[in-house]
């Protein structure tokens, strides 16, 4: 099995401890308790609801425990093969799987199920609405399904504030308002934007302000 890091954007931040659960606490606690031979789990929700963060956190927790994790996604090249030493299978962006990857995912699902290996998948829509072959779609709906909700504005502010504090950035309410009113409340995107802003401020030896943010965006052509 080819083992790869998920496309998480900010891999070091993807842990259960850095996930602000908000309305998604049941999903978080379920994944924390996931063990061998657990039922398949499917997470769905819009961008910014934390699907990939949770997959990354789960992968990290199992790897720290010494377990091998197979991580797959819509952009991972084929072939996908099952490895008997793998203890957890992850599949992200299910709605984007093309026909060959659907076939590969189905084969992985069958083998993992036969071996008693847990399977956790994620997509933007519930299983019934996935544009997939019927046998794969039905198997993704077999187990536990969680509908993830985007964070409220208050929770999004808390996440950004925590990310800023971790980088030693003073994030004023004015900058926070600018970020949350002019960009989608996709925390992966917002946190990446905060990282770029921090690097831009350091390079220009300036404090993080709205004018500096506007200048950076202008230079990026955003």
Foldseek 3Di string as FASTA:
>chain_A
DDADQPPLLPLVQLALVLDDQAVNVVVSVCLVPDDFLAAEEEEAAAFQLCPSSPVSRSCVVVVVVVAAEHEEEQPDDDDDDDDLRHQEYEYEAQLNHDQVVLVNVLVVLVVCNVSRHYYYYYHHDQLVPRPGPPVSSVSNVPHHYDYGDHDDLVVLLVSLVVLCVVVVADQDPQNSCCLPPPDDNRSSVSSSLVVVQVVQCVVVVHHRDPVSSVVVCVVVVD
